[in-house]
């Protein structure tokens, strides 16, 4: 059975930093906007500062996860619950 602490499957829309291509460019011809990202996964950790998502969770004796994405709450523009497990 999946651990109830790892129970939310969510989608999060958030703003991420973006890199700029190398090479000379005119500032007036450039745009400097963050990238909007959609991430989907199981919430495996929450704090006042971050939410951590994982694509895979397991409860083979101890709660476990495979891979993860740390997202700062200040970057989040929307969170939607997709399912409860």
N, C-alpha and C. Protein backbone atom coordinates (compact mmCIF):
# COMPACT_ATOMS: atom_id res chain seq x y z
N UNK A 1 0.85 -1.19 0.00
CA UNK A 1 0.00 0.00 0.00
C UNK A 1 0.89 1.25 0.00
N UNK A 2 0.50 2.24 -0.76
CA UNK A 2 1.27 3.47 -0.85
C UNK A 2 1.12 4.26 0.45
N UNK A 3 2.21 4.82 0.93
CA UNK A 3 2.21 5.60 2.16
C UNK A 3 1.31 6.82 2.02
N UNK A 4 0.40 7.07 2.97
CA UNK A 4 -0.49 8.22 2.85
C UNK A 4 0.23 9.57 2.83
N UNK A 5 1.48 9.62 3.30
CA UNK A 5 2.23 10.88 3.22
C UNK A 5 2.63 11.20 1.79
N UNK A 6 2.58 10.22 0.92
CA UNK A 6 2.91 10.40 -0.49
C UNK A 6 1.64 10.28 -1.33
N UNK A 7 0.63 11.05 -0.99
CA UNK A 7 -0.69 10.75 -1.53
C UNK A 7 -1.20 11.68 -2.62
N UNK A 8 -0.60 12.81 -2.85
CA UNK A 8 -1.15 13.74 -3.83
C UNK A 8 -0.46 13.59 -5.18
N UNK A 9 -1.23 13.45 -6.23
CA UNK A 9 -0.73 13.47 -7.60
C UNK A 9 -1.21 14.79 -8.18
N UNK A 10 -0.27 15.68 -8.54
CA UNK A 10 -0.63 17.05 -8.89
C UNK A 10 -0.01 17.48 -10.21
N UNK A 11 -0.56 18.55 -10.75
CA UNK A 11 0.11 19.27 -11.83
C UNK A 11 0.47 20.64 -11.27
N UNK A 12 1.67 21.09 -11.60
CA UNK A 12 2.16 22.39 -11.13
C UNK A 12 2.63 23.18 -12.34
N UNK A 13 2.13 24.40 -12.47
CA UNK A 13 2.62 25.34 -13.48
C UNK A 13 3.54 26.31 -12.74
N UNK A 14 4.76 26.47 -13.27
CA UNK A 14 5.73 27.31 -12.57
C UNK A 14 6.67 27.98 -13.56
N UNK A 15 7.31 29.04 -13.09
CA UNK A 15 8.24 29.82 -13.90
C UNK A 15 9.67 29.37 -13.60
N UNK A 16 10.42 29.08 -14.66
CA UNK A 16 11.80 28.63 -14.52
C UNK A 16 12.72 29.64 -15.19
N UNK A 17 13.96 29.66 -14.76
CA UNK A 17 14.93 30.52 -15.44
C UNK A 17 15.26 29.91 -16.81
N UNK A 18 15.79 30.73 -17.67
CA UNK A 18 16.13 30.27 -19.02
C UNK A 18 17.52 30.76 -19.38
N UNK A 19 18.21 29.98 -20.18
CA UNK A 19 19.52 30.41 -20.64
C UNK A 19 19.37 31.24 -21.91
N UNK A 20 20.40 31.98 -22.21
CA UNK A 20 20.42 32.83 -23.40
C UNK A 20 21.48 32.27 -24.34
N UNK A 21 21.16 32.20 -25.63
CA UNK A 21 22.12 31.71 -26.62
C UNK A 21 23.40 32.54 -26.59
N UNK A 22 24.52 31.88 -26.86
CA UNK A 22 25.79 32.58 -26.96
C UNK A 22 25.83 33.38 -28.26
N UNK A 23 26.68 34.36 -28.30
CA UNK A 23 26.86 35.19 -29.50
C UNK A 23 26.36 36.60 -29.25
N UNK A 24 26.86 37.53 -30.05
CA UNK A 24 26.49 38.94 -29.90
C UNK A 24 25.06 39.17 -30.35
N UNK A 25 24.33 39.94 -29.53
CA UNK A 25 22.95 40.30 -29.83
C UNK A 25 22.70 41.73 -29.36
N UNK A 26 21.76 42.38 -29.98
CA UNK A 26 21.35 43.70 -29.51
C UNK A 26 20.29 43.54 -28.43
N UNK A 27 20.46 44.26 -27.35
CA UNK A 27 19.51 44.19 -26.23
C UNK A 27 18.11 44.54 -26.72
N UNK A 28 17.99 45.55 -27.59
CA UNK A 28 16.67 45.99 -28.07
C UNK A 28 15.94 44.90 -28.86
N UNK A 29 16.67 43.94 -29.42
CA UNK A 29 16.07 42.86 -30.21
C UNK A 29 15.82 41.59 -29.39
N UNK A 30 16.12 41.64 -28.10
CA UNK A 30 16.01 40.46 -27.26
C UNK A 30 14.80 40.55 -26.32
N UNK A 31 14.31 39.38 -25.93
CA UNK A 31 13.29 39.31 -24.89
C UNK A 31 13.87 38.52 -23.73
N UNK A 32 13.53 38.92 -22.53
CA UNK A 32 14.07 38.29 -21.34
C UNK A 32 12.92 37.88 -20.43
N UNK A 33 12.36 36.73 -20.73
CA UNK A 33 11.21 36.22 -20.00
C UNK A 33 11.53 34.84 -19.42
N UNK A 34 11.00 34.54 -18.24
CA UNK A 34 11.16 33.18 -17.72
C UNK A 34 10.36 32.19 -18.57
N UNK A 35 10.70 30.93 -18.44
CA UNK A 35 10.01 29.87 -19.16
C UNK A 35 8.89 29.34 -18.28
N UNK A 36 7.69 29.15 -18.87
CA UNK A 36 6.60 28.54 -18.12
C UNK A 36 6.68 27.02 -18.29
N UNK A 37 6.63 26.30 -17.16
CA UNK A 37 6.82 24.86 -17.16
C UNK A 37 5.59 24.19 -16.53
N UNK A 38 5.19 23.04 -17.07
CA UNK A 38 4.15 22.20 -16.47
C UNK A 38 4.82 20.92 -16.00
N UNK A 39 4.75 20.65 -14.70
CA UNK A 39 5.29 19.43 -14.12
C UNK A 39 4.15 18.65 -13.48
N UNK A 40 4.20 17.33 -13.62
CA UNK A 40 3.17 16.45 -13.06
C UNK A 40 3.87 15.37 -12.26
N UNK A 41 3.36 15.08 -11.06
CA UNK A 41 3.98 14.02 -10.28
C UNK A 41 3.36 13.87 -8.90
N UNK A 42 3.92 12.94 -8.13
CA UNK A 42 3.50 12.70 -6.76
C UNK A 42 4.25 13.65 -5.83
N UNK A 43 3.53 14.28 -4.92
CA UNK A 43 4.17 15.15 -3.93
C UNK A 43 4.82 14.24 -2.89
N UNK A 44 6.15 14.33 -2.79
CA UNK A 44 6.86 13.49 -1.81
C UNK A 44 7.39 14.31 -0.64
N UNK A 45 7.37 15.65 -0.76
CA UNK A 45 7.83 16.51 0.32
C UNK A 45 7.27 17.90 0.11
N UNK A 46 6.91 18.57 1.22
CA UNK A 46 6.44 19.96 1.18
C UNK A 46 7.08 20.70 2.34
N UNK A 47 7.43 21.96 2.11
CA UNK A 47 7.85 22.87 3.18
C UNK A 47 7.31 24.25 2.83
N UNK A 48 7.62 25.22 3.65
CA UNK A 48 7.20 26.59 3.35
C UNK A 48 7.88 27.12 2.10
N UNK A 49 9.04 26.55 1.78
CA UNK A 49 9.85 27.05 0.67
C UNK A 49 9.74 26.25 -0.62
N UNK A 50 9.56 24.92 -0.52
CA UNK A 50 9.59 24.07 -1.71
C UNK A 50 8.49 23.01 -1.70
N UNK A 51 8.21 22.49 -2.90
CA UNK A 51 7.42 21.27 -3.10
C UNK A 51 8.29 20.35 -3.95
N UNK A 52 8.34 19.07 -3.58
CA UNK A 52 9.15 18.12 -4.34
C UNK A 52 8.22 17.09 -4.98
N UNK A 53 8.36 16.93 -6.31
CA UNK A 53 7.56 15.97 -7.06
C UNK A 53 8.44 14.81 -7.50
N UNK A 54 7.82 13.63 -7.60
CA UNK A 54 8.48 12.47 -8.18
C UNK A 54 7.52 11.79 -9.16
N UNK A 55 8.07 11.24 -10.22
CA UNK A 55 7.26 10.53 -11.20
C UNK A 55 6.85 9.15 -10.70
N UNK A 56 7.64 8.58 -9.78
CA UNK A 56 7.38 7.22 -9.32
C UNK A 56 7.50 7.14 -7.80
N UNK A 57 6.55 6.43 -7.18
CA UNK A 57 6.65 6.16 -5.74
C UNK A 57 6.37 4.69 -5.49
N UNK A 58 6.86 4.18 -4.36
CA UNK A 58 6.68 2.78 -4.01
C UNK A 58 6.63 2.66 -2.49
N UNK A 59 6.04 1.60 -2.03
CA UNK A 59 6.04 1.32 -0.60
C UNK A 59 6.42 -0.13 -0.39
N UNK A 60 7.62 -0.49 -0.84
CA UNK A 60 8.10 -1.86 -0.68
C UNK A 60 8.76 -2.03 0.68
N UNK A 61 8.01 -1.84 1.74
CA UNK A 61 8.54 -1.92 3.09
C UNK A 61 8.77 -0.54 3.67
N UNK A 62 9.46 0.32 2.94
CA UNK A 62 9.67 1.71 3.32
C UNK A 62 9.24 2.58 2.15
N UNK A 63 8.64 3.74 2.42
CA UNK A 63 8.29 4.63 1.31
C UNK A 63 9.54 5.01 0.50
N UNK A 64 9.41 4.95 -0.80
CA UNK A 64 10.55 5.25 -1.66
C UNK A 64 10.07 6.00 -2.90
N UNK A 65 11.01 6.67 -3.56
CA UNK A 65 10.70 7.37 -4.80
C UNK A 65 11.85 7.20 -5.77
N UNK A 66 11.59 7.48 -7.05
CA UNK A 66 12.61 7.39 -8.08
C UNK A 66 12.62 8.70 -8.84
N UNK A 67 13.69 9.45 -8.71
CA UNK A 67 13.79 10.75 -9.37
C UNK A 67 12.98 11.80 -8.62
N UNK A 68 13.28 13.04 -8.86
CA UNK A 68 12.54 14.10 -8.19
C UNK A 68 12.84 15.46 -8.78
N UNK A 69 11.93 16.38 -8.55
CA UNK A 69 12.06 17.76 -9.01
C UNK A 69 11.73 18.67 -7.83
N UNK A 70 12.67 19.51 -7.43
CA UNK A 70 12.44 20.48 -6.37
C UNK A 70 11.97 21.77 -7.02
N UNK A 71 10.79 22.25 -6.62
CA UNK A 71 10.22 23.47 -7.18
C UNK A 71 10.02 24.47 -6.04
N UNK A 72 10.61 25.65 -6.18
CA UNK A 72 10.42 26.69 -5.17
C UNK A 72 9.01 27.25 -5.27
N UNK A 73 8.34 27.37 -4.13
CA UNK A 73 6.96 27.87 -4.11
C UNK A 73 6.83 29.25 -4.74
N UNK A 74 7.85 30.09 -4.62
CA UNK A 74 7.80 31.44 -5.19
C UNK A 74 7.67 31.40 -6.72
N UNK A 75 8.07 30.29 -7.33
CA UNK A 75 8.01 30.16 -8.78
C UNK A 75 6.68 29.58 -9.27
N UNK A 76 5.86 29.06 -8.35
CA UNK A 76 4.63 28.37 -8.72
C UNK A 76 3.51 29.37 -9.00
N UNK A 77 2.84 29.18 -10.14
CA UNK A 77 1.69 30.02 -10.48
C UNK A 77 0.36 29.29 -10.33
N UNK A 78 0.40 27.93 -10.36
CA UNK A 78 -0.85 27.16 -10.20
C UNK A 78 -0.53 25.72 -9.79
N UNK A 79 -1.35 25.19 -8.88
CA UNK A 79 -1.27 23.78 -8.49
C UNK A 79 -2.67 23.19 -8.60
N UNK A 80 -2.78 22.02 -9.24
CA UNK A 80 -4.06 21.33 -9.36
C UNK A 80 -3.91 19.89 -8.88
N UNK A 81 -4.79 19.45 -7.97
CA UNK A 81 -4.83 18.05 -7.58
C UNK A 81 -5.42 17.23 -8.72
N UNK A 82 -4.72 16.19 -9.12
CA UNK A 82 -5.21 15.31 -10.19
C UNK A 82 -5.80 14.03 -9.64
N UNK A 83 -5.25 13.53 -8.53
CA UNK A 83 -5.76 12.28 -7.93
C UNK A 83 -5.21 12.14 -6.51
N UNK A 84 -5.88 11.34 -5.72
CA UNK A 84 -5.42 10.99 -4.37
C UNK A 84 -5.20 9.50 -4.33
N UNK A 85 -4.10 9.06 -3.70
CA UNK A 85 -3.80 7.65 -3.58
C UNK A 85 -3.64 7.27 -2.13
